[in-house]
mmCIF file of all heavy atoms, coordinates in Angstrom:
data_MODEL
# 
_entry.id   MODEL 
# 
loop_
_atom_site.group_PDB 
_atom_site.id 
_atom_site.type_symbol 
_atom_site.label_atom_id 
_atom_site.label_alt_id 
_atom_site.label_comp_id 
_atom_site.label_asym_id 
_atom_site.label_entity_id 
_atom_site.label_seq_id 
_atom_site.pdbx_PDB_ins_code 
_atom_site.Cartn_x 
_atom_site.Cartn_y 
_atom_site.Cartn_z 
_atom_site.occupancy 
_atom_site.B_iso_or_equiv 
_atom_site.pdbx_formal_charge 
_atom_site.auth_seq_id 
_atom_site.auth_comp_id 
_atom_site.auth_asym_id 
_atom_site.auth_atom_id 
_atom_site.pdbx_PDB_model_num 
ATOM 1   N N   . GLN A 1 1  ? 7.292  43.248 -155.748 1.00 0.00 ? 1  GLN A N   1 
ATOM 2   C CA  . GLN A 1 1  ? 6.528  44.254 -156.606 1.00 0.00 ? 1  GLN A CA  1 
ATOM 3   C C   . GLN A 1 1  ? 5.552  45.034 -155.528 1.00 0.00 ? 1  GLN A C   1 
ATOM 4   O O   . GLN A 1 1  ? 5.319  46.269 -155.779 1.00 0.00 ? 1  GLN A O   1 
ATOM 5   C CB  . GLN A 1 1  ? 5.822  43.702 -157.707 1.00 0.00 ? 1  GLN A CB  1 
ATOM 6   C CG  . GLN A 1 1  ? 5.075  44.712 -158.626 1.00 0.00 ? 1  GLN A CG  1 
ATOM 7   C CD  . GLN A 1 1  ? 6.106  45.730 -159.253 1.00 0.00 ? 1  GLN A CD  1 
ATOM 8   O OE1 . GLN A 1 1  ? 6.962  45.218 -159.893 1.00 0.00 ? 1  GLN A OE1 1 
ATOM 9   N NE2 . GLN A 1 1  ? 5.777  46.952 -158.986 1.00 0.00 ? 1  GLN A NE2 1 
ATOM 10  N N   . VAL A 1 2  ? 4.853  44.379 -154.772 1.00 0.00 ? 2  VAL A N   1 
ATOM 11  C CA  . VAL A 1 2  ? 3.761  44.956 -153.962 1.00 0.00 ? 2  VAL A CA  1 
ATOM 12  C C   . VAL A 1 2  ? 4.460  45.967 -153.011 1.00 0.00 ? 2  VAL A C   1 
ATOM 13  O O   . VAL A 1 2  ? 3.866  47.066 -152.701 1.00 0.00 ? 2  VAL A O   1 
ATOM 14  C CB  . VAL A 1 2  ? 2.950  43.963 -153.234 1.00 0.00 ? 2  VAL A CB  1 
ATOM 15  C CG1 . VAL A 1 2  ? 3.809  43.233 -152.204 1.00 0.00 ? 2  VAL A CG1 1 
ATOM 16  C CG2 . VAL A 1 2  ? 1.815  44.746 -152.472 1.00 0.00 ? 2  VAL A CG2 1 
ATOM 17  N N   . ILE A 1 3  ? 5.635  45.740 -152.620 1.00 0.00 ? 3  ILE A N   1 
ATOM 18  C CA  . ILE A 1 3  ? 6.450  46.693 -151.792 1.00 0.00 ? 3  ILE A CA  1 
ATOM 19  C C   . ILE A 1 3  ? 6.814  47.865 -152.554 1.00 0.00 ? 3  ILE A C   1 
ATOM 20  O O   . ILE A 1 3  ? 6.692  49.009 -152.087 1.00 0.00 ? 3  ILE A O   1 
ATOM 21  C CB  . ILE A 1 3  ? 7.705  45.971 -151.147 1.00 0.00 ? 3  ILE A CB  1 
ATOM 22  C CG1 . ILE A 1 3  ? 7.346  44.958 -150.184 1.00 0.00 ? 3  ILE A CG1 1 
ATOM 23  C CG2 . ILE A 1 3  ? 8.527  47.027 -150.425 1.00 0.00 ? 3  ILE A CG2 1 
ATOM 24  C CD1 . ILE A 1 3  ? 8.444  44.077 -149.530 1.00 0.00 ? 3  ILE A CD1 1 
ATOM 25  N N   . VAL A 1 4  ? 7.172  47.607 -153.772 1.00 0.00 ? 4  VAL A N   1 
ATOM 26  C CA  . VAL A 1 4  ? 7.415  48.771 -154.710 1.00 0.00 ? 4  VAL A CA  1 
ATOM 27  C C   . VAL A 1 4  ? 6.340  49.711 -154.867 1.00 0.00 ? 4  VAL A C   1 
ATOM 28  O O   . VAL A 1 4  ? 6.339  50.909 -154.626 1.00 0.00 ? 4  VAL A O   1 
ATOM 29  C CB  . VAL A 1 4  ? 7.926  48.314 -155.997 1.00 0.00 ? 4  VAL A CB  1 
ATOM 30  C CG1 . VAL A 1 4  ? 8.355  49.469 -157.027 1.00 0.00 ? 4  VAL A CG1 1 
ATOM 31  C CG2 . VAL A 1 4  ? 9.185  47.402 -155.934 1.00 0.00 ? 4  VAL A CG2 1 
ATOM 32  N N   . ASN A 1 5  ? 5.195  49.061 -154.957 1.00 0.00 ? 5  ASN A N   1 
ATOM 33  C CA  . ASN A 1 5  ? 3.917  49.893 -155.207 1.00 0.00 ? 5  ASN A CA  1 
ATOM 34  C C   . ASN A 1 5  ? 3.532  50.687 -153.947 1.00 0.00 ? 5  ASN A C   1 
ATOM 35  O O   . ASN A 1 5  ? 3.244  51.951 -154.015 1.00 0.00 ? 5  ASN A O   1 
ATOM 36  C CB  . ASN A 1 5  ? 2.746  48.927 -155.590 1.00 0.00 ? 5  ASN A CB  1 
ATOM 37  C CG  . ASN A 1 5  ? 2.911  48.245 -156.918 1.00 0.00 ? 5  ASN A CG  1 
ATOM 38  O OD1 . ASN A 1 5  ? 3.765  48.547 -157.662 1.00 0.00 ? 5  ASN A OD1 1 
ATOM 39  N ND2 . ASN A 1 5  ? 2.072  47.281 -157.070 1.00 0.00 ? 5  ASN A ND2 1 
ATOM 40  N N   . VAL A 1 6  ? 3.768  50.173 -152.850 1.00 0.00 ? 6  VAL A N   1 
ATOM 41  C CA  . VAL A 1 6  ? 3.487  50.839 -151.587 1.00 0.00 ? 6  VAL A CA  1 
ATOM 42  C C   . VAL A 1 6  ? 4.402  52.010 -151.437 1.00 0.00 ? 6  VAL A C   1 
ATOM 43  O O   . VAL A 1 6  ? 4.022  53.065 -151.046 1.00 0.00 ? 6  VAL A O   1 
ATOM 44  C CB  . VAL A 1 6  ? 3.365  49.987 -150.421 1.00 0.00 ? 6  VAL A CB  1 
ATOM 45  C CG1 . VAL A 1 6  ? 3.199  50.757 -149.127 1.00 0.00 ? 6  VAL A CG1 1 
ATOM 46  C CG2 . VAL A 1 6  ? 2.262  48.929 -150.587 1.00 0.00 ? 6  VAL A CG2 1 
ATOM 47  N N   . ALA A 1 7  ? 5.673  51.625 -151.547 1.00 0.00 ? 7  ALA A N   1 
ATOM 48  C CA  . ALA A 1 7  ? 6.755  52.695 -151.432 1.00 0.00 ? 7  ALA A CA  1 
ATOM 49  C C   . ALA A 1 7  ? 6.523  53.810 -152.307 1.00 0.00 ? 7  ALA A C   1 
ATOM 50  O O   . ALA A 1 7  ? 6.634  54.962 -151.989 1.00 0.00 ? 7  ALA A O   1 
ATOM 51  C CB  . ALA A 1 7  ? 8.089  52.034 -151.596 1.00 0.00 ? 7  ALA A CB  1 
ATOM 52  N N   . GLU A 1 8  ? 6.175  53.574 -153.614 1.00 0.00 ? 8  GLU A N   1 
ATOM 53  C CA  . GLU A 1 8  ? 5.919  54.625 -154.562 1.00 0.00 ? 8  GLU A CA  1 
ATOM 54  C C   . GLU A 1 8  ? 4.661  55.408 -154.103 1.00 0.00 ? 8  GLU A C   1 
ATOM 55  O O   . GLU A 1 8  ? 4.627  56.710 -154.161 1.00 0.00 ? 8  GLU A O   1 
ATOM 56  C CB  . GLU A 1 8  ? 5.644  54.048 -155.983 1.00 0.00 ? 8  GLU A CB  1 
ATOM 57  C CG  . GLU A 1 8  ? 6.806  53.547 -156.673 1.00 0.00 ? 8  GLU A CG  1 
ATOM 58  C CD  . GLU A 1 8  ? 6.495  53.052 -158.108 1.00 0.00 ? 8  GLU A CD  1 
ATOM 59  O OE1 . GLU A 1 8  ? 5.399  52.539 -158.279 1.00 0.00 ? 8  GLU A OE1 1 
ATOM 60  O OE2 . GLU A 1 8  ? 7.279  53.295 -158.994 1.00 0.00 ? 8  GLU A OE2 1 
ATOM 61  N N   . GLY A 1 9  ? 3.656  54.752 -153.595 1.00 0.00 ? 9  GLY A N   1 
ATOM 62  C CA  . GLY A 1 9  ? 2.487  55.488 -153.130 1.00 0.00 ? 9  GLY A CA  1 
ATOM 63  C C   . GLY A 1 9  ? 2.778  56.334 -151.904 1.00 0.00 ? 9  GLY A C   1 
ATOM 64  O O   . GLY A 1 9  ? 2.035  57.294 -151.710 1.00 0.00 ? 9  GLY A O   1 
ATOM 65  N N   . GLU A 1 10 ? 3.843  56.060 -151.122 1.00 0.00 ? 10 GLU A N   1 
ATOM 66  C CA  . GLU A 1 10 ? 4.195  56.849 -150.069 1.00 0.00 ? 10 GLU A CA  1 
ATOM 67  C C   . GLU A 1 10 ? 5.353  57.822 -150.470 1.00 0.00 ? 10 GLU A C   1 
ATOM 68  O O   . GLU A 1 10 ? 6.077  58.338 -149.548 1.00 0.00 ? 10 GLU A O   1 
ATOM 69  C CB  . GLU A 1 10 ? 4.798  55.957 -148.939 1.00 0.00 ? 10 GLU A CB  1 
ATOM 70  C CG  . GLU A 1 10 ? 3.477  55.167 -148.340 1.00 0.00 ? 10 GLU A CG  1 
ATOM 71  C CD  . GLU A 1 10 ? 3.919  54.379 -147.090 1.00 0.00 ? 10 GLU A CD  1 
ATOM 72  O OE1 . GLU A 1 10 ? 5.005  54.575 -146.526 1.00 0.00 ? 10 GLU A OE1 1 
ATOM 73  O OE2 . GLU A 1 10 ? 3.055  53.547 -146.700 1.00 0.00 ? 10 GLU A OE2 1 
ATOM 74  N N   . LYS A 1 11 ? 5.481  58.081 -151.776 1.00 0.00 ? 11 LYS A N   1 
ATOM 75  C CA  . LYS A 1 11 ? 6.370  59.103 -152.383 1.00 0.00 ? 11 LYS A CA  1 
ATOM 76  C C   . LYS A 1 11 ? 7.815  58.691 -152.166 1.00 0.00 ? 11 LYS A C   1 
ATOM 77  O O   . LYS A 1 11 ? 8.706  59.792 -152.459 1.00 0.00 ? 11 LYS A O   1 
ATOM 78  C CB  . LYS A 1 11 ? 6.046  60.560 -151.752 1.00 0.00 ? 11 LYS A CB  1 
ATOM 79  C CG  . LYS A 1 11 ? 4.603  60.936 -151.770 1.00 0.00 ? 11 LYS A CG  1 
ATOM 80  C CD  . LYS A 1 11 ? 3.998  60.818 -153.132 1.00 0.00 ? 11 LYS A CD  1 
ATOM 81  C CE  . LYS A 1 11 ? 2.539  61.427 -153.231 1.00 0.00 ? 11 LYS A CE  1 
ATOM 82  N NZ  . LYS A 1 11 ? 1.906  61.134 -154.608 1.00 0.00 ? 11 LYS A NZ  1 
ATOM 83  N N   . ALA A 1 12 ? 8.242  57.531 -152.118 1.00 0.00 ? 12 ALA A N   1 
ATOM 84  C CA  . ALA A 1 12 ? 9.571  57.142 -152.137 1.00 0.00 ? 12 ALA A CA  1 
ATOM 85  C C   . ALA A 1 12 ? 10.133 57.076 -153.486 1.00 0.00 ? 12 ALA A C   1 
ATOM 86  O O   . ALA A 1 12 ? 9.444  56.570 -154.382 1.00 0.00 ? 12 ALA A O   1 
ATOM 87  C CB  . ALA A 1 12 ? 9.866  55.888 -151.420 1.00 0.00 ? 12 ALA A CB  1 
ATOM 88  N N   . PRO A 1 13 ? 11.346 57.706 -153.859 1.00 0.00 ? 13 PRO A N   1 
ATOM 89  C CA  . PRO A 1 13 ? 11.724 57.617 -155.216 1.00 0.00 ? 13 PRO A CA  1 
ATOM 90  C C   . PRO A 1 13 ? 12.463 56.373 -155.615 1.00 0.00 ? 13 PRO A C   1 
ATOM 91  O O   . PRO A 1 13 ? 13.617 56.242 -155.581 1.00 0.00 ? 13 PRO A O   1 
ATOM 92  C CB  . PRO A 1 13 ? 12.825 58.870 -155.317 1.00 0.00 ? 13 PRO A CB  1 
ATOM 93  C CG  . PRO A 1 13 ? 13.320 58.861 -153.887 1.00 0.00 ? 13 PRO A CG  1 
ATOM 94  C CD  . PRO A 1 13 ? 12.151 58.369 -152.985 1.00 0.00 ? 13 PRO A CD  1 
ATOM 95  N N   . VAL A 1 14 ? 11.551 55.329 -155.848 1.00 0.00 ? 14 VAL A N   1 
ATOM 96  C CA  . VAL A 1 14 ? 12.143 53.971 -156.021 1.00 0.00 ? 14 VAL A CA  1 
ATOM 97  C C   . VAL A 1 14 ? 11.636 53.466 -157.507 1.00 0.00 ? 14 VAL A C   1 
ATOM 98  O O   . VAL A 1 14 ? 10.634 53.814 -157.922 1.00 0.00 ? 14 VAL A O   1 
ATOM 99  C CB  . VAL A 1 14 ? 11.842 52.975 -154.936 1.00 0.00 ? 14 VAL A CB  1 
ATOM 100 C CG1 . VAL A 1 14 ? 12.310 53.456 -153.581 1.00 0.00 ? 14 VAL A CG1 1 
ATOM 101 C CG2 . VAL A 1 14 ? 10.215 52.893 -154.843 1.00 0.00 ? 14 VAL A CG2 1 
ATOM 102 N N   . GLN A 1 15 ? 12.433 52.439 -157.992 1.00 0.00 ? 15 GLN A N   1 
ATOM 103 C CA  . GLN A 1 15 ? 12.087 51.730 -159.137 1.00 0.00 ? 15 GLN A CA  1 
ATOM 104 C C   . GLN A 1 15 ? 12.491 50.296 -158.728 1.00 0.00 ? 15 GLN A C   1 
ATOM 105 O O   . GLN A 1 15 ? 13.398 50.101 -157.967 1.00 0.00 ? 15 GLN A O   1 
ATOM 106 C CB  . GLN A 1 15 ? 12.626 52.344 -160.530 1.00 0.00 ? 15 GLN A CB  1 
ATOM 107 C CG  . GLN A 1 15 ? 12.074 53.585 -160.874 1.00 0.00 ? 15 GLN A CG  1 
ATOM 108 C CD  . GLN A 1 15 ? 12.583 53.930 -162.297 1.00 0.00 ? 15 GLN A CD  1 
ATOM 109 O OE1 . GLN A 1 15 ? 13.241 53.210 -162.934 1.00 0.00 ? 15 GLN A OE1 1 
ATOM 110 N NE2 . GLN A 1 15 ? 12.365 55.122 -162.716 1.00 0.00 ? 15 GLN A NE2 1 
ATOM 111 N N   . ALA A 1 16 ? 12.131 49.332 -159.640 1.00 0.00 ? 16 ALA A N   1 
ATOM 112 C CA  . ALA A 1 16 ? 12.493 47.965 -159.483 1.00 0.00 ? 16 ALA A CA  1 
ATOM 113 C C   . ALA A 1 16 ? 12.479 47.274 -160.834 1.00 0.00 ? 16 ALA A C   1 
ATOM 114 O O   . ALA A 1 16 ? 11.943 47.769 -161.768 1.00 0.00 ? 16 ALA A O   1 
ATOM 115 C CB  . ALA A 1 16 ? 11.605 47.253 -158.435 1.00 0.00 ? 16 ALA A CB  1 
ATOM 116 N N   . THR A 1 17 ? 13.334 46.193 -160.907 1.00 0.00 ? 17 THR A N   1 
ATOM 117 C CA  . THR A 1 17 ? 13.572 45.506 -162.098 1.00 0.00 ? 17 THR A CA  1 
ATOM 118 C C   . THR A 1 17 ? 13.812 43.959 -161.805 1.00 0.00 ? 17 THR A C   1 
ATOM 119 O O   . THR A 1 17 ? 14.236 43.621 -160.658 1.00 0.00 ? 17 THR A O   1 
ATOM 120 C CB  . THR A 1 17 ? 14.680 46.019 -162.986 1.00 0.00 ? 17 THR A CB  1 
ATOM 121 O OG1 . THR A 1 17 ? 14.630 45.484 -164.312 1.00 0.00 ? 17 THR A OG1 1 
ATOM 122 C CG2 . THR A 1 17 ? 16.013 45.784 -162.420 1.00 0.00 ? 17 THR A CG2 1 
ATOM 123 N N   . LEU A 1 18 ? 13.570 43.196 -162.729 1.00 0.00 ? 18 LEU A N   1 
ATOM 124 C CA  . LEU A 1 18 ? 14.055 41.861 -162.631 1.00 0.00 ? 18 LEU A CA  1 
ATOM 125 C C   . LEU A 1 18 ? 15.384 41.766 -163.378 1.00 0.00 ? 18 LEU A C   1 
ATOM 126 O O   . LEU A 1 18 ? 15.598 41.927 -164.585 1.00 0.00 ? 18 LEU A O   1 
ATOM 127 C CB  . LEU A 1 18 ? 13.048 40.819 -163.559 1.00 0.00 ? 18 LEU A CB  1 
ATOM 128 C CG  . LEU A 1 18 ? 13.452 39.426 -163.562 1.00 0.00 ? 18 LEU A CG  1 
ATOM 129 C CD1 . LEU A 1 18 ? 13.262 38.753 -162.231 1.00 0.00 ? 18 LEU A CD1 1 
ATOM 130 C CD2 . LEU A 1 18 ? 12.587 38.590 -164.535 1.00 0.00 ? 18 LEU A CD2 1 
ATOM 131 N N   . PRO A 1 19 ? 16.504 41.580 -162.555 1.00 0.00 ? 19 PRO A N   1 
ATOM 132 C CA  . PRO A 1 19 ? 17.828 41.691 -163.071 1.00 0.00 ? 19 PRO A CA  1 
ATOM 133 C C   . PRO A 1 19 ? 18.123 40.626 -164.324 1.00 0.00 ? 19 PRO A C   1 
ATOM 134 O O   . PRO A 1 19 ? 17.456 39.656 -164.406 1.00 0.00 ? 19 PRO A O   1 
ATOM 135 C CB  . PRO A 1 19 ? 18.775 41.406 -161.976 1.00 0.00 ? 19 PRO A CB  1 
ATOM 136 C CG  . PRO A 1 19 ? 17.914 41.997 -160.874 1.00 0.00 ? 19 PRO A CG  1 
ATOM 137 C CD  . PRO A 1 19 ? 16.514 41.448 -161.094 1.00 0.00 ? 19 PRO A CD  1 
ATOM 138 N N   . LYS A 1 20 ? 19.110 40.937 -165.075 1.00 0.00 ? 20 LYS A N   1 
ATOM 139 C CA  . LYS A 1 20 ? 19.390 40.119 -166.268 1.00 0.00 ? 20 LYS A CA  1 
ATOM 140 C C   . LYS A 1 20 ? 19.872 38.723 -165.885 1.00 0.00 ? 20 LYS A C   1 
ATOM 141 O O   . LYS A 1 20 ? 19.651 37.873 -166.732 1.00 0.00 ? 20 LYS A O   1 
ATOM 142 C CB  . LYS A 1 20 ? 20.548 40.813 -167.116 1.00 0.00 ? 20 LYS A CB  1 
ATOM 143 C CG  . LYS A 1 20 ? 21.852 40.987 -166.347 1.00 0.00 ? 20 LYS A CG  1 
ATOM 144 C CD  . LYS A 1 20 ? 22.831 41.801 -167.214 1.00 0.00 ? 20 LYS A CD  1 
ATOM 145 C CE  . LYS A 1 20 ? 24.146 41.948 -166.438 1.00 0.00 ? 20 LYS A CE  1 
ATOM 146 N NZ  . LYS A 1 20 ? 25.063 42.746 -167.300 1.00 0.00 ? 20 LYS A NZ  1 
ATOM 147 N N   . GLU A 1 21 ? 20.329 38.522 -164.609 1.00 0.00 ? 21 GLU A N   1 
ATOM 148 C CA  . GLU A 1 21 ? 20.658 37.086 -164.254 1.00 0.00 ? 21 GLU A CA  1 
ATOM 149 C C   . GLU A 1 21 ? 19.400 36.298 -163.958 1.00 0.00 ? 21 GLU A C   1 
ATOM 150 O O   . GLU A 1 21 ? 19.486 35.096 -163.792 1.00 0.00 ? 21 GLU A O   1 
ATOM 151 C CB  . GLU A 1 21 ? 21.585 37.188 -163.007 1.00 0.00 ? 21 GLU A CB  1 
ATOM 152 C CG  . GLU A 1 21 ? 22.865 37.918 -163.292 1.00 0.00 ? 21 GLU A CG  1 
ATOM 153 C CD  . GLU A 1 21 ? 22.877 39.292 -162.949 1.00 0.00 ? 21 GLU A CD  1 
ATOM 154 O OE1 . GLU A 1 21 ? 21.590 39.865 -162.514 1.00 0.00 ? 21 GLU A OE1 1 
ATOM 155 O OE2 . GLU A 1 21 ? 23.871 39.946 -162.970 1.00 0.00 ? 21 GLU A OE2 1 
ATOM 156 N N   . GLY A 1 22 ? 18.256 36.886 -163.854 1.00 0.00 ? 22 GLY A N   1 
ATOM 157 C CA  . GLY A 1 22 ? 17.081 36.097 -163.272 1.00 0.00 ? 22 GLY A CA  1 
ATOM 158 C C   . GLY A 1 22 ? 16.879 36.341 -161.783 1.00 0.00 ? 22 GLY A C   1 
ATOM 159 O O   . GLY A 1 22 ? 17.680 37.268 -161.215 1.00 0.00 ? 22 GLY A O   1 
ATOM 160 N N   . ALA A 1 23 ? 15.966 35.761 -161.189 1.00 0.00 ? 23 ALA A N   1 
ATOM 161 C CA  . ALA A 1 23 ? 15.707 35.981 -159.824 1.00 0.00 ? 23 ALA A CA  1 
ATOM 162 C C   . ALA A 1 23 ? 14.997 34.760 -159.211 1.00 0.00 ? 23 ALA A C   1 
ATOM 163 O O   . ALA A 1 23 ? 14.484 33.838 -159.931 1.00 0.00 ? 23 ALA A O   1 
ATOM 164 C CB  . ALA A 1 23 ? 14.830 37.253 -159.672 1.00 0.00 ? 23 ALA A CB  1 
ATOM 165 N N   . THR A 1 24 ? 14.887 34.732 -157.913 1.00 0.00 ? 24 THR A N   1 
ATOM 166 C CA  . THR A 1 24 ? 13.906 33.716 -157.267 1.00 0.00 ? 24 THR A CA  1 
ATOM 167 C C   . THR A 1 24 ? 12.652 34.316 -157.230 1.00 0.00 ? 24 THR A C   1 
ATOM 168 O O   . THR A 1 24 ? 12.291 35.509 -157.577 1.00 0.00 ? 24 THR A O   1 
ATOM 169 C CB  . THR A 1 24 ? 14.437 33.491 -155.784 1.00 0.00 ? 24 THR A CB  1 
ATOM 170 O OG1 . THR A 1 24 ? 14.377 34.796 -155.115 1.00 0.00 ? 24 THR A OG1 1 
ATOM 171 C CG2 . THR A 1 24 ? 15.751 32.906 -155.740 1.00 0.00 ? 24 THR A CG2 1 
ATOM 172 N N   . GLY A 1 25 ? 11.603 33.427 -156.845 1.00 0.00 ? 25 GLY A N   1 
ATOM 173 C CA  . GLY A 1 25 ? 10.225 34.027 -156.768 1.00 0.00 ? 25 GLY A CA  1 
ATOM 174 C C   . GLY A 1 25 ? 9.315  32.877 -156.136 1.00 0.00 ? 25 GLY A C   1 
ATOM 175 O O   . GLY A 1 25 ? 9.794  31.898 -155.490 1.00 0.00 ? 25 GLY A O   1 
ATOM 176 N N   . TRP A 1 26 ? 8.003  33.029 -156.326 1.00 0.00 ? 26 TRP A N   1 
ATOM 177 C CA  . TRP A 1 26 ? 7.194  32.137 -155.506 1.00 0.00 ? 26 TRP A CA  1 
ATOM 178 C C   . TRP A 1 26 ? 5.905  31.937 -156.339 1.00 0.00 ? 26 TRP A C   1 
ATOM 179 O O   . TRP A 1 26 ? 5.418  32.728 -157.144 1.00 0.00 ? 26 TRP A O   1 
ATOM 180 C CB  . TRP A 1 26 ? 6.768  32.657 -154.187 1.00 0.00 ? 26 TRP A CB  1 
ATOM 181 C CG  . TRP A 1 26 ? 6.450  34.145 -154.088 1.00 0.00 ? 26 TRP A CG  1 
ATOM 182 C CD1 . TRP A 1 26 ? 7.189  35.259 -154.012 1.00 0.00 ? 26 TRP A CD1 1 
ATOM 183 C CD2 . TRP A 1 26 ? 5.164  34.668 -154.535 1.00 0.00 ? 26 TRP A CD2 1 
ATOM 184 N NE1 . TRP A 1 26 ? 6.457  36.354 -154.086 1.00 0.00 ? 26 TRP A NE1 1 
ATOM 185 C CE2 . TRP A 1 26 ? 5.262  36.075 -154.389 1.00 0.00 ? 26 TRP A CE2 1 
ATOM 186 C CE3 . TRP A 1 26 ? 3.885  34.254 -154.732 1.00 0.00 ? 26 TRP A CE3 1 
ATOM 187 C CZ2 . TRP A 1 26 ? 4.198  36.997 -154.556 1.00 0.00 ? 26 TRP A CZ2 1 
ATOM 188 C CZ3 . TRP A 1 26 ? 2.785  34.923 -154.826 1.00 0.00 ? 26 TRP A CZ3 1 
ATOM 189 C CH2 . TRP A 1 26 ? 2.967  36.416 -154.829 1.00 0.00 ? 26 TRP A CH2 1 
ATOM 190 N N   . SER A 1 27 ? 5.234  30.734 -156.155 1.00 0.00 ? 27 SER A N   1 
ATOM 191 C CA  . SER A 1 27 ? 3.978  30.376 -156.728 1.00 0.00 ? 27 SER A CA  1 
ATOM 192 C C   . SER A 1 27 ? 3.265  29.444 -155.745 1.00 0.00 ? 27 SER A C   1 
ATOM 193 O O   . SER A 1 27 ? 3.848  28.513 -155.289 1.00 0.00 ? 27 SER A O   1 
ATOM 194 C CB  . SER A 1 27 ? 4.227  29.663 -158.124 1.00 0.00 ? 27 SER A CB  1 
ATOM 195 O OG  . SER A 1 27 ? 2.871  29.217 -158.495 1.00 0.00 ? 27 SER A OG  1 
ATOM 196 N N   . ASP A 1 28 ? 1.980  29.785 -155.310 1.00 0.00 ? 28 ASP A N   1 
ATOM 197 C CA  . ASP A 1 28 ? 1.313  28.916 -154.485 1.00 0.00 ? 28 ASP A CA  1 
ATOM 198 C C   . ASP A 1 28 ? 0.192  27.999 -155.244 1.00 0.00 ? 28 ASP A C   1 
ATOM 199 O O   . ASP A 1 28 ? -0.173 28.294 -156.354 1.00 0.00 ? 28 ASP A O   1 
ATOM 200 C CB  . ASP A 1 28 ? 0.389  29.832 -153.479 1.00 0.00 ? 28 ASP A CB  1 
ATOM 201 C CG  . ASP A 1 28 ? 1.383  30.596 -152.671 1.00 0.00 ? 28 ASP A CG  1 
ATOM 202 O OD1 . ASP A 1 28 ? 2.642  30.165 -152.405 1.00 0.00 ? 28 ASP A OD1 1 
ATOM 203 O OD2 . ASP A 1 28 ? 1.010  31.540 -152.026 1.00 0.00 ? 28 ASP A OD2 1 
# 
């Protein structure tokens, strides 16, 4: 998500989603 935010901030026409199958992720 943070990459999406930066890319959008640099005017890249991007969007992102959590796909219907689910996804991997992280927690510290």
